[in-house]
Structure formats: C-alpha cells, structure tokens
C-alpha cells in the first residue's frame, strides 16, 4: 500500500465515523473527498447491503420472536383501531418514506410480479428488468431515459417461513403457492447521477442509517399508544414481552453493518487511487 493510499484510508475512516455518529461533522480534507468520484453502482451495492442488515435485524430479532411473545404485526398497522407494528415490507416502506424526506436524492422501492398491493406490481421496463433478474439470478443495474435515473434491482428472496405463509394465506394475494427461496419480488434503488464524490457517498450512508433509525422510532411511537404495551428498554423479544429502545436497536444494527460499510467505502476509494496511480505510470 502506498503512503497516499494509507493516508486516504485513514481520512475516510475518520470522515465516515464523524458523518455517521456526529451531528456537526468536522471537515477533514474536504476538497479531496469532493474531487474523488465513485460509481453509483458500487454505492448502491453498499446501500443494499446496509438495508439487508436492517431488514434481517427487524425480521429476525423483532418480528419473529415478537410474535411468539404476543407482540402483534399487521399490514394495516397505521390504522387507528389496529394495535400492531409494521410487517417487514412495511418497515422497508417506512425507510423509503424517510429517504423521500431527506436532501439525498436516493429512492427505494419494493415491487413484485405478484404483489398483494397491486400498486407494487412491476410494469413496462421494470417488469423486463425483474424478469431478467429472475432468469439470471443476478442484480440488474440500468438507466432509464424517460426518468433519467440510474437504478439497481436486487432480488427479495423468501428466507422466512412467516413471510411465505402470510402471502399464501392472504385473501388479496394473486399467488398462493410460494415456497422458501422463491424470488418474491425485488428491492430497487434509484439515483440520478452515474458518479458521486466520496463526500456524497458518506452523506448518503449517513442519511440511510438515519432512515433506519427514524423508521424504528416511528414503530415505537405507535407502540406507546397500545392498550397492552411491551416493555421498551434494553431487552429483546426473545426474552419476553419486550422491545429494544431505539438506542439498543441501532447499537445492534451498527455492530452488523458499520465495519462492512467502512471496508466497502475504503475499497471504493483505494480502487480509485490505484487506478489513478496506474494512469500516471
């Protein structure tokens, strides 16, 4: 590793930690981070990996164990007469809603060829990309001329029995023979630029992380109005009628994704540095 690469890695480490966990970031070689650009395809891969960890945590440590302890989850959770939390798909939509409110132009969508909600059915170009994804098993990166947006579509695979069972039993489900490991739909990320700076990348990561935090906070706000409320604090549903606080949820999420996220950002930058060094030689 060259001295320049090492310096950049250390700068990125400091910047990423500051951007993620400090409300008023201190500029460290801001000009350099603005000048270096990376492919949005790589950045969206990082975003999708972060999202996968958040959904896995919510599904595996909140929804699954929670149901066994009497914590309820329902697709109509936002209705006034329903005392329940969002299902995993609704949690993802909460994240997407938070992203729409942010200054970062990052879009997140969940769709399928057999959705329960017909508004989520893939059509036109999106349907073609999804068909290719199912045929090849590979994520689809694309550019749509009409919207002038870059998109990256990743498969949503049936990994939890509860999800399969819910879709198979739902009255509005157009397909009721789902099996484990089926591709039930896809998560699609949208962004308007082909390349962004390292600084923009870290801002995007920070906003996405905050969207997870605000979405879980929104759920706990709903729980606070239940007639029968689980205890909120340091304990998790696996131990009883409990839910972790926002701080506990985010601590666990950070353990799962922060190290991998940092490595991914460093890999993006060092790849760029090595490419530049090769060109100069």
C-alpha atoms as a PDB file:
ATOM      1  CA  UNK A   1       0.000   0.000   0.000  1.00  0.00           C
ATOM      2  CA  UNK A   2       1.335   3.412  -0.963  1.00  0.00           C
ATOM      3  CA  UNK A   3       1.606   6.252   1.545  1.00  0.00           C
ATOM      4  CA  UNK A   4      -1.080   8.109  -0.373  1.00  0.00           C
ATOM      5  CA  UNK A   5      -3.474   5.148  -0.180  1.00  0.00           C
ATOM      6  CA  UNK A   6      -2.830   4.747   3.541  1.00  0.00           C
ATOM      7  CA  UNK A   7      -3.466   8.447   4.158  1.00  0.00           C
ATOM      8  CA  UNK A   8      -6.732   8.307   2.208  1.00  0.00           C
ATOM      9  CA  UNK A   9      -7.892   5.229   4.103  1.00  0.00           C
ATOM     10  CA  UNK A  10      -7.272   6.966   7.429  1.00  0.00           C
ATOM     11  CA  UNK A  11      -9.035  10.082   6.202  1.00  0.00           C
ATOM     12  CA  UNK A  12     -12.047   8.027   5.142  1.00  0.00           C
ATOM     13  CA  UNK A  13     -12.146   6.206   8.464  1.00  0.00           C
ATOM     14  CA  UNK A  14     -12.241   9.496  10.347  1.00  0.00           C
ATOM     15  CA  UNK A  15     -14.745  11.061   7.975  1.00  0.00           C
ATOM     16  CA  UNK A  16     -17.084   8.082   7.980  1.00  0.00           C
ATOM     17  CA  UNK A  17     -17.144   7.818  11.763  1.00  0.00           C
ATOM     18  CA  UNK A  18     -17.779  11.542  12.080  1.00  0.00           C
ATOM     19  CA  UNK A  19     -20.506  11.552   9.423  1.00  0.00           C
ATOM     20  CA  UNK A  20     -22.290   8.567  10.938  1.00  0.00           C
ATOM     21  CA  UNK A  21     -22.182   9.456  14.595  1.00  0.00           C
ATOM     22  CA  UNK A  22     -21.612  13.203  15.000  1.00  0.00           C
ATOM     23  CA  UNK A  23     -24.279  15.778  14.247  1.00  0.00           C
ATOM     24  CA  UNK A  24     -21.812  18.546  13.308  1.00  0.00           C
ATOM     25  CA  UNK A  25     -19.065  16.926  11.211  1.00  0.00           C
ATOM     26  CA  UNK A  26     -15.593  18.395  11.233  1.00  0.00           C
ATOM     27  CA  UNK A  27     -14.196  18.861   7.672  1.00  0.00           C
ATOM     28  CA  UNK A  28     -11.103  16.743   7.058  1.00  0.00           C
ATOM     29  CA  UNK A  29      -9.505  17.359   3.687  1.00  0.00           C
ATOM     30  CA  UNK A  30     -12.955  18.136   2.299  1.00  0.00           C
ATOM     31  CA  UNK A  31     -11.572  19.175  -1.078  1.00  0.00           C
ATOM     32  CA  UNK A  32     -10.006  15.759  -1.654  1.00  0.00           C
ATOM     33  CA  UNK A  33     -13.208  13.931  -0.714  1.00  0.00           C
ATOM     34  CA  UNK A  34     -15.185  16.128  -3.125  1.00  0.00           C
ATOM     35  CA  UNK A  35     -12.808  15.534  -6.041  1.00  0.00           C
ATOM     36  CA  UNK A  36     -12.693  11.743  -5.864  1.00  0.00           C
ATOM     37  CA  UNK A  37     -15.700  10.119  -7.513  1.00  0.00           C
ATOM     38  CA  UNK A  38     -17.035   6.574  -7.416  1.00  0.00           C
ATOM     39  CA  UNK A  39     -19.593   4.674  -9.475  1.00  0.00           C
ATOM     40  CA  UNK A  40     -23.145   4.913  -8.161  1.00  0.00           C
ATOM     41  CA  UNK A  41     -23.432   1.190  -8.875  1.00  0.00           C
ATOM     42  CA  UNK A  42     -20.884   0.472  -6.145  1.00  0.00           C
ATOM     43  CA  UNK A  43     -22.527   2.943  -3.775  1.00  0.00           C
ATOM     44  CA  UNK A  44     -25.954   1.341  -4.274  1.00  0.00           C
ATOM     45  CA  UNK A  45     -24.421  -2.055  -3.516  1.00  0.00           C
ATOM     46  CA  UNK A  46     -23.346  -0.618  -0.150  1.00  0.00           C
ATOM     47  CA  UNK A  47     -26.825   0.824   0.409  1.00  0.00           C
ATOM     48  CA  UNK A  48     -28.455  -2.510  -0.384  1.00  0.00           C
ATOM     49  CA  UNK A  49     -26.116  -4.388   1.967  1.00  0.00           C
ATOM     50  CA  UNK A  50     -26.989  -1.931   4.760  1.00  0.00           C
ATOM     51  CA  UNK A  51     -30.682  -2.348   4.035  1.00  0.00           C
ATOM     52  CA  UNK A  52     -30.375  -6.132   4.064  1.00  0.00           C
ATOM     53  CA  UNK A  53     -28.849  -5.995   7.539  1.00  0.00           C
ATOM     54  CA  UNK A  54     -31.600  -3.682   8.793  1.00  0.00           C
ATOM     55  CA  UNK A  55     -34.375  -5.881   7.390  1.00  0.00           C
ATOM     56  CA  UNK A  56     -32.706  -9.006   8.722  1.00  0.00           C
ATOM     57  CA  UNK A  57     -32.446  -7.473  12.191  1.00  0.00           C
ATOM     58  CA  UNK A  58     -36.042  -6.258  12.199  1.00  0.00           C
ATOM     59  CA  UNK A  59     -37.421  -9.530  10.830  1.00  0.00           C
ATOM     60  CA  UNK A  60     -35.207 -11.927  12.777  1.00  0.00           C
ATOM     61  CA  UNK A  61     -34.977 -10.237  16.183  1.00  0.00           C
ATOM     62  CA  UNK A  62     -38.148  -8.123  16.333  1.00  0.00           C
ATOM     63  CA  UNK A  63     -40.972  -9.596  14.242  1.00  0.00           C
ATOM     64  CA  UNK A  64     -40.216 -13.329  14.521  1.00  0.00           C
ATOM     65  CA  UNK A  65     -39.549 -13.562  18.281  1.00  0.00           C
ATOM     66  CA  UNK A  66     -42.063 -10.788  18.971  1.00  0.00           C
ATOM     67  CA  UNK A  67     -44.971 -12.733  17.524  1.00  0.00           C
ATOM     68  CA  UNK A  68     -44.157 -15.652  19.832  1.00  0.00           C
ATOM     69  CA  UNK A  69     -44.344 -13.310  22.827  1.00  0.00           C
ATOM     70  CA  UNK A  70     -47.629 -11.705  21.823  1.00  0.00           C
ATOM     71  CA  UNK A  71     -46.257  -8.623  20.060  1.00  0.00           C
ATOM     72  CA  UNK A  72     -48.536  -8.043  17.070  1.00  0.00           C
ATOM     73  CA  UNK A  73     -47.672  -7.046  13.498  1.00  0.00           C
ATOM     74  CA  UNK A  74     -50.141  -6.262  10.752  1.00  0.00           C
ATOM     75  CA  UNK A  75     -50.197  -4.769   7.252  1.00  0.00           C
ATOM     76  CA  UNK A  76     -52.830  -2.280   8.496  1.00  0.00           C
ATOM     77  CA  UNK A  77     -50.692  -1.230  11.453  1.00  0.00           C
ATOM     78  CA  UNK A  78     -51.128   2.514  10.794  1.00  0.00           C
ATOM     79  CA  UNK A  79     -54.911   2.431  11.203  1.00  0.00           C
ATOM     80  CA  UNK A  80     -56.180   3.966  14.441  1.00  0.00           C
ATOM     81  CA  UNK A  81     -58.063   0.836  15.532  1.00  0.00           C
ATOM     82  CA  UNK A  82     -55.145  -1.562  14.910  1.00  0.00           C
ATOM     83  CA  UNK A  83     -52.635  -2.146  17.708  1.00  0.00           C
ATOM     84  CA  UNK A  84     -49.764  -3.697  15.774  1.00  0.00           C
ATOM     85  CA  UNK A  85     -46.411  -2.926  14.264  1.00  0.00           C
ATOM     86  CA  UNK A  86     -45.330  -2.890  10.608  1.00  0.00           C
ATOM     87  CA  UNK A  87     -44.523  -6.127   8.833  1.00  0.00           C
ATOM     88  CA  UNK A  88     -41.018  -6.313   7.255  1.00  0.00           C
ATOM     89  CA  UNK A  89     -42.293  -4.993   3.904  1.00  0.00           C
ATOM     90  CA  UNK A  90     -43.990  -2.069   5.652  1.00  0.00           C
ATOM     91  CA  UNK A  91     -40.813  -1.361   7.599  1.00  0.00           C
ATOM     92  CA  UNK A  92     -38.930  -1.088   4.303  1.00  0.00           C
ATOM     93  CA  UNK A  93     -41.550   1.361   3.062  1.00  0.00           C
ATOM     94  CA  UNK A  94     -41.072   3.433   6.191  1.00  0.00           C
ATOM     95  CA  UNK A  95     -37.380   3.630   5.308  1.00  0.00           C
ATOM     96  CA  UNK A  96     -38.271   4.648   1.752  1.00  0.00           C
ATOM     97  CA  UNK A  97     -40.582   7.342   3.114  1.00  0.00           C
ATOM     98  CA  UNK A  98     -37.819   8.727   5.321  1.00  0.00           C
ATOM     99  CA  UNK A  99     -35.455   8.834   2.338  1.00  0.00           C
ATOM    100  CA  UNK A 100     -38.000  10.867   0.380  1.00  0.00           C
ATOM    101  CA  UNK A 101     -37.915  13.486   3.133  1.00  0.00           C
ATOM    102  CA  UNK A 102     -34.124  13.720   3.085  1.00  0.00           C
ATOM    103  CA  UNK A 103     -31.949  16.018   0.950  1.00  0.00           C
ATOM    104  CA  UNK A 104     -30.275  12.986  -0.636  1.00  0.00           C
ATOM    105  CA  UNK A 105     -31.875  12.035  -3.953  1.00  0.00           C
ATOM    106  CA  UNK A 106     -31.927   8.323  -3.178  1.00  0.00           C
ATOM    107  CA  UNK A 107     -35.068   6.355  -4.000  1.00  0.00           C
ATOM    108  CA  UNK A 108     -36.037   2.957  -2.596  1.00  0.00           C
ATOM    109  CA  UNK A 109     -38.867   0.821  -3.963  1.00  0.00           C
ATOM    110  CA  UNK A 110     -40.232  -2.665  -3.323  1.00  0.00           C
ATOM    111  CA  UNK A 111     -42.063  -4.432  -6.137  1.00  0.00           C
ATOM    112  CA  UNK A 112     -43.100  -7.816  -7.445  1.00  0.00           C
ATOM    113  CA  UNK A 113     -44.798  -9.539 -10.369  1.00  0.00           C
ATOM    114  CA  UNK A 114     -47.325 -10.982  -7.870  1.00  0.00           C
ATOM    115  CA  UNK A 115     -47.782  -8.279  -5.210  1.00  0.00           C
ATOM    116  CA  UNK A 116     -50.558  -8.237  -2.631  1.00  0.00           C
ATOM    117  CA  UNK A 117     -50.889  -4.495  -3.231  1.00  0.00           C
ATOM    118  CA  UNK A 118     -51.411  -4.001  -6.975  1.00  0.00           C
ATOM    119  CA  UNK A 119     -49.677  -0.606  -6.758  1.00  0.00           C
ATOM    120  CA  UNK A 120     -46.418  -2.527  -6.270  1.00  0.00           C
ATOM    121  CA  UNK A 121     -46.682  -4.564  -9.474  1.00  0.00           C
ATOM    122  CA  UNK A 122     -43.769  -4.217 -11.898  1.00  0.00           C
ATOM    123  CA  UNK A 123     -44.747  -2.852 -15.319  1.00  0.00           C
ATOM    124  CA  UNK A 124     -43.027  -1.851 -18.581  1.00  0.00           C
ATOM    125  CA  UNK A 125     -39.219  -1.585 -18.265  1.00  0.00           C
ATOM    126  CA  UNK A 126     -39.253  -2.531 -14.602  1.00  0.00           C
ATOM    127  CA  UNK A 127     -41.055  -5.774 -15.439  1.00  0.00           C
ATOM    128  CA  UNK A 128     -38.380  -6.554 -18.025  1.00  0.00           C
ATOM    129  CA  UNK A 129     -35.550  -5.937 -15.577  1.00  0.00           C
ATOM    130  CA  UNK A 130     -37.258  -8.112 -12.975  1.00  0.00           C
ATOM    131  CA  UNK A 131     -37.762 -10.914 -15.494  1.00  0.00           C
ATOM    132  CA  UNK A 132     -34.047 -10.784 -16.349  1.00  0.00           C
ATOM    133  CA  UNK A 133     -33.189 -10.830 -12.642  1.00  0.00           C
ATOM    134  CA  UNK A 134     -35.243 -13.983 -12.098  1.00  0.00           C
ATOM    135  CA  UNK A 135     -33.835 -15.671 -15.222  1.00  0.00           C
ATOM    136  CA  UNK A 136     -30.188 -14.952 -14.445  1.00  0.00           C
ATOM    137  CA  UNK A 137     -30.222 -14.704 -10.671  1.00  0.00           C
ATOM    138  CA  UNK A 138     -28.147 -11.524 -10.979  1.00  0.00           C
ATOM    139  CA  UNK A 139     -28.977  -7.982  -9.753  1.00  0.00           C
ATOM    140  CA  UNK A 140     -29.906  -5.635 -12.584  1.00  0.00           C
ATOM    141  CA  UNK A 141     -28.182  -2.269 -12.997  1.00  0.00           C
ATOM    142  CA  UNK A 142     -29.860   0.005 -15.539  1.00  0.00           C
ATOM    143  CA  UNK A 143     -30.522   3.528 -16.778  1.00  0.00           C
ATOM    144  CA  UNK A 144     -33.990   4.734 -17.736  1.00  0.00           C
ATOM    145  CA  UNK A 145     -34.057   7.521 -20.303  1.00  0.00           C
ATOM    146  CA  UNK A 146     -37.578   8.745 -19.514  1.00  0.00           C
ATOM    147  CA  UNK A 147     -36.794   9.439 -15.839  1.00  0.00           C
ATOM    148  CA  UNK A 148     -33.037   9.988 -16.378  1.00  0.00           C
ATOM    149  CA  UNK A 149     -32.306   7.811 -13.353  1.00  0.00           C
ATOM    150  CA  UNK A 150     -29.870   5.022 -12.623  1.00  0.00           C
ATOM    151  CA  UNK A 151     -31.383   2.003 -10.959  1.00  0.00           C
ATOM    152  CA  UNK A 152     -30.151  -1.140  -9.264  1.00  0.00           C
ATOM    153  CA  UNK A 153     -32.567  -4.003  -8.648  1.00  0.00           C
ATOM    154  CA  UNK A 154     -31.861  -6.741  -6.086  1.00  0.00           C
ATOM    155  CA  UNK A 155     -33.882  -9.899  -5.502  1.00  0.00           C
ATOM    156  CA  UNK A 156     -36.079 -10.296  -2.429  1.00  0.00           C
ATOM    157  CA  UNK A 157     -35.844 -13.990  -1.661  1.00  0.00           C
ATOM    158  CA  UNK A 158     -38.242 -15.890   0.606  1.00  0.00           C
ATOM    159  CA  UNK A 159     -35.975 -16.634   3.562  1.00  0.00           C
ATOM    160  CA  UNK A 160     -38.539 -16.551   6.400  1.00  0.00           C
ATOM    161  CA  UNK A 161     -41.420 -19.048   6.680  1.00  0.00           C
ATOM    162  CA  UNK A 162     -43.712 -16.422   8.177  1.00  0.00           C
ATOM    163  CA  UNK A 163     -43.435 -14.284   5.030  1.00  0.00           C
ATOM    164  CA  UNK A 164     -44.227 -17.228   2.764  1.00  0.00           C
ATOM    165  CA  UNK A 165     -47.173 -18.256   4.927  1.00  0.00           C
ATOM    166  CA  UNK A 166     -48.553 -14.718   5.052  1.00  0.00           C
ATOM    167  CA  UNK A 167     -48.505 -14.325   1.270  1.00  0.00           C
ATOM    168  CA  UNK A 168     -50.004 -17.775   0.683  1.00  0.00           C
ATOM    169  CA  UNK A 169     -52.888 -17.168   3.111  1.00  0.00           C
ATOM    170  CA  UNK A 170     -53.625 -13.542   2.223  1.00  0.00           C
ATOM    171  CA  UNK A 171     -57.003 -13.092   0.514  1.00  0.00           C
ATOM    172  CA  UNK A 172     -55.625 -10.488  -1.906  1.00  0.00           C
ATOM    173  CA  UNK A 173     -52.521 -12.441  -2.889  1.00  0.00           C
ATOM    174  CA  UNK A 174     -52.512 -13.287  -6.629  1.00  0.00           C
ATOM    175  CA  UNK A 175     -50.121 -16.179  -5.969  1.00  0.00           C
ATOM    176  CA  UNK A 176     -50.668 -18.609  -3.101  1.00  0.00           C
ATOM    177  CA  UNK A 177     -48.103 -21.315  -3.733  1.00  0.00           C
ATOM    178  CA  UNK A 178     -44.952 -19.512  -2.643  1.00  0.00           C
ATOM    179  CA  UNK A 179     -42.113 -21.659  -1.349  1.00  0.00           C
ATOM    180  CA  UNK A 180     -38.954 -20.965   0.603  1.00  0.00           C
ATOM    181  CA  UNK A 181     -36.130 -19.496  -1.515  1.00  0.00           C
ATOM    182  CA  UNK A 182     -38.539 -18.228  -4.197  1.00  0.00           C
ATOM    183  CA  UNK A 183     -37.819 -14.766  -5.607  1.00  0.00           C
ATOM    184  CA  UNK A 184     -40.896 -12.997  -4.246  1.00  0.00           C
ATOM    185  CA  UNK A 185     -40.005  -9.556  -5.521  1.00  0.00           C
ATOM    186  CA  UNK A 186     -37.174  -7.051  -5.736  1.00  0.00           C
ATOM    187  CA  UNK A 187     -35.773  -4.031  -3.961  1.00  0.00           C
ATOM    188  CA  UNK A 188     -34.859  -1.242  -6.372  1.00  0.00           C
ATOM    189  CA  UNK A 189     -32.605   1.722  -5.627  1.00  0.00           C
ATOM    190  CA  UNK A 190     -32.771   4.863  -7.768  1.00  0.00           C
ATOM    191  CA  UNK A 191     -30.280   7.735  -8.086  1.00  0.00           C
ATOM    192  CA  UNK A 192     -29.934  10.491 -10.741  1.00  0.00           C
ATOM    193  CA  UNK A 193     -26.140  10.540 -11.169  1.00  0.00           C
ATOM    194  CA  UNK A 194     -23.710   7.956 -12.534  1.00  0.00           C
ATOM    195  CA  UNK A 195     -20.833   9.018 -10.281  1.00  0.00           C
ATOM    196  CA  UNK A 196     -20.718  10.762  -6.915  1.00  0.00           C
ATOM    197  CA  UNK A 197     -17.945  12.031  -4.664  1.00  0.00           C
ATOM    198  CA  UNK A 198     -16.653  10.276  -1.558  1.00  0.00           C
ATOM    199  CA  UNK A 199     -18.202  13.076   0.496  1.00  0.00           C
ATOM    200  CA  UNK A 200     -21.594  12.495  -1.167  1.00  0.00           C
ATOM    201  CA  UNK A 201     -21.201   8.768  -0.586  1.00  0.00           C
ATOM    202  CA  UNK A 202     -20.708   9.253   3.136  1.00  0.00           C
ATOM    203  CA  UNK A 203     -23.631  11.663   3.303  1.00  0.00           C
ATOM    204  CA  UNK A 204     -25.812   9.071   1.569  1.00  0.00           C
ATOM    205  CA  UNK A 205     -24.707   6.419   4.066  1.00  0.00           C
ATOM    206  CA  UNK A 206     -25.473   8.732   6.974  1.00  0.00           C
ATOM    207  CA  UNK A 207     -28.953   9.567   5.629  1.00  0.00           C
ATOM    208  CA  UNK A 208     -29.761   5.900   5.014  1.00  0.00           C
ATOM    209  CA  UNK A 209     -28.678   4.960   8.531  1.00  0.00           C
ATOM    210  CA  UNK A 210     -30.822   7.739   9.946  1.00  0.00           C
ATOM    211  CA  UNK A 211     -33.770   6.450   7.896  1.00  0.00           C
ATOM    212  CA  UNK A 212     -33.492   3.089   9.661  1.00  0.00           C
ATOM    213  CA  UNK A 213     -33.383   4.889  12.995  1.00  0.00           C
ATOM    214  CA  UNK A 214     -36.399   7.080  12.276  1.00  0.00           C
ATOM    215  CA  UNK A 215     -38.407   4.124  10.932  1.00  0.00           C
ATOM    216  CA  UNK A 216     -37.852   2.084  14.086  1.00  0.00           C
ATOM    217  CA  UNK A 217     -38.601   5.174  16.187  1.00  0.00           C
ATOM    218  CA  UNK A 218     -41.889   5.553  14.279  1.00  0.00           C
ATOM    219  CA  UNK A 219     -42.784   1.980  15.238  1.00  0.00           C
ATOM    220  CA  UNK A 220     -42.064   2.597  18.927  1.00  0.00           C
ATOM    221  CA  UNK A 221     -44.159   5.769  18.783  1.00  0.00           C
ATOM    222  CA  UNK A 222     -47.047   3.587  17.608  1.00  0.00           C
ATOM    223  CA  UNK A 223     -46.404   1.071  20.392  1.00  0.00           C
ATOM    224  CA  UNK A 224     -46.610   3.835  23.004  1.00  0.00           C
ATOM    225  CA  UNK A 225     -50.355   4.151  22.267  1.00  0.00           C
ATOM    226  CA  UNK A 226     -51.181   0.452  22.653  1.00  0.00           C
ATOM    227  CA  UNK A 227     -53.507  -0.607  25.458  1.00  0.00           C
ATOM    228  CA  UNK A 228     -51.136  -3.513  26.145  1.00  0.00           C
ATOM    229  CA  UNK A 229     -47.583  -2.262  25.628  1.00  0.00           C
ATOM    230  CA  UNK A 230     -44.397  -4.352  25.633  1.00  0.00           C
ATOM    231  CA  UNK A 231     -41.669  -3.017  27.895  1.00  0.00           C
ATOM    232  CA  UNK A 232     -39.205  -0.885  25.928  1.00  0.00           C
ATOM    233  CA  UNK A 233     -35.594  -0.816  27.060  1.00  0.00           C
ATOM    234  CA  UNK A 234     -32.503  -2.975  26.860  1.00  0.00           C
ATOM    235  CA  UNK A 235     -34.228  -6.345  26.415  1.00  0.00           C
ATOM    236  CA  UNK A 236     -35.344  -8.009  23.180  1.00  0.00           C
ATOM    237  CA  UNK A 237     -38.478 -10.082  22.340  1.00  0.00           C
ATOM    238  CA  UNK A 238     -36.555 -13.344  22.598  1.00  0.00           C
ATOM    239  CA  UNK A 239     -36.514 -12.764  26.375  1.00  0.00           C
ATOM    240  CA  UNK A 240     -40.206 -11.948  26.785  1.00  0.00           C
ATOM    241  CA  UNK A 241     -42.763  -9.212  26.150  1.00  0.00           C
ATOM    242  CA  UNK A 242     -40.087  -6.627  25.386  1.00  0.00           C
ATOM    243  CA  UNK A 243     -38.872  -4.374  22.607  1.00  0.00           C
ATOM    244  CA  UNK A 244     -35.437  -2.760  22.422  1.00  0.00           C
ATOM    245  CA  UNK A 245     -35.204   1.011  22.603  1.00  0.00           C
ATOM    246  CA  UNK A 246     -34.128   2.976  19.546  1.00  0.00           C
ATOM    247  CA  UNK A 247     -30.617   3.179  21.017  1.00  0.00           C
ATOM    248  CA  UNK A 248     -30.438  -0.602  21.563  1.00  0.00           C
ATOM    249  CA  UNK A 249     -31.779  -1.326  18.085  1.00  0.00           C
ATOM    250  CA  UNK A 250     -29.250   0.997  16.450  1.00  0.00           C
ATOM    251  CA  UNK A 251     -26.355  -0.347  18.526  1.00  0.00           C
ATOM    252  CA  UNK A 252     -27.120  -3.839  17.262  1.00  0.00           C
ATOM    253  CA  UNK A 253     -27.557  -2.619  13.696  1.00  0.00           C
ATOM    254  CA  UNK A 254     -24.257  -0.721  13.812  1.00  0.00           C
ATOM    255  CA  UNK A 255     -22.475  -3.862  15.008  1.00  0.00           C
ATOM    256  CA  UNK A 256     -23.785  -5.691  11.979  1.00  0.00           C
ATOM    257  CA  UNK A 257     -23.119  -3.155   9.276  1.00  0.00           C
ATOM    258  CA  UNK A 258     -20.631  -0.445  10.259  1.00  0.00           C
ATOM    259  CA  UNK A 259     -17.460  -2.489   9.776  1.00  0.00           C
ATOM    260  CA  UNK A 260     -18.573  -3.844   6.403  1.00  0.00           C
ATOM    261  CA  UNK A 261     -19.731  -0.386   5.307  1.00  0.00           C
ATOM    262  CA  UNK A 262     -16.398   1.159   6.220  1.00  0.00           C
ATOM    263  CA  UNK A 263     -14.475  -1.542   4.356  1.00  0.00           C
ATOM    264  CA  UNK A 264     -16.666  -1.015   1.294  1.00  0.00           C
ATOM    265  CA  UNK A 265     -16.097   2.750   1.259  1.00  0.00           C
ATOM    266  CA  UNK A 266     -12.352   2.253   1.722  1.00  0.00           C
ATOM    267  CA  UNK A 267     -12.344  -0.288  -1.116  1.00  0.00           C
ATOM    268  CA  UNK A 268     -14.074   2.207  -3.397  1.00  0.00           C
ATOM    269  CA  UNK A 269     -11.512   4.896  -2.676  1.00  0.00           C
ATOM    270  CA  UNK A 270      -8.403   2.744  -2.839  1.00  0.00           C
ATOM    271  CA  UNK A 271      -9.580   1.311  -6.147  1.00  0.00           C
ATOM    272  CA  UNK A 272      -9.799   4.853  -7.461  1.00  0.00           C
ATOM    273  CA  UNK A 273      -6.374   5.718  -6.071  1.00  0.00           C
ATOM    274  CA  UNK A 274      -4.767   2.637  -7.610  1.00  0.00           C
ATOM    275  CA  UNK A 275      -6.399   3.400 -10.947  1.00  0.00           C
ATOM    276  CA  UNK A 276      -5.025   6.952 -10.893  1.00  0.00           C
ATOM    277  CA  UNK A 277      -1.556   5.720  -9.949  1.00  0.00           C
ATOM    278  CA  UNK A 278      -1.583   3.251 -12.847  1.00  0.00           C
ATOM    279  CA  UNK A 279      -2.580   6.001 -15.290  1.00  0.00           C
ATOM    280  CA  UNK A 280       0.329   8.206 -14.119  1.00  0.00           C
ATOM    281  CA  UNK A 281       2.821   5.389 -14.567  1.00  0.00           C
END
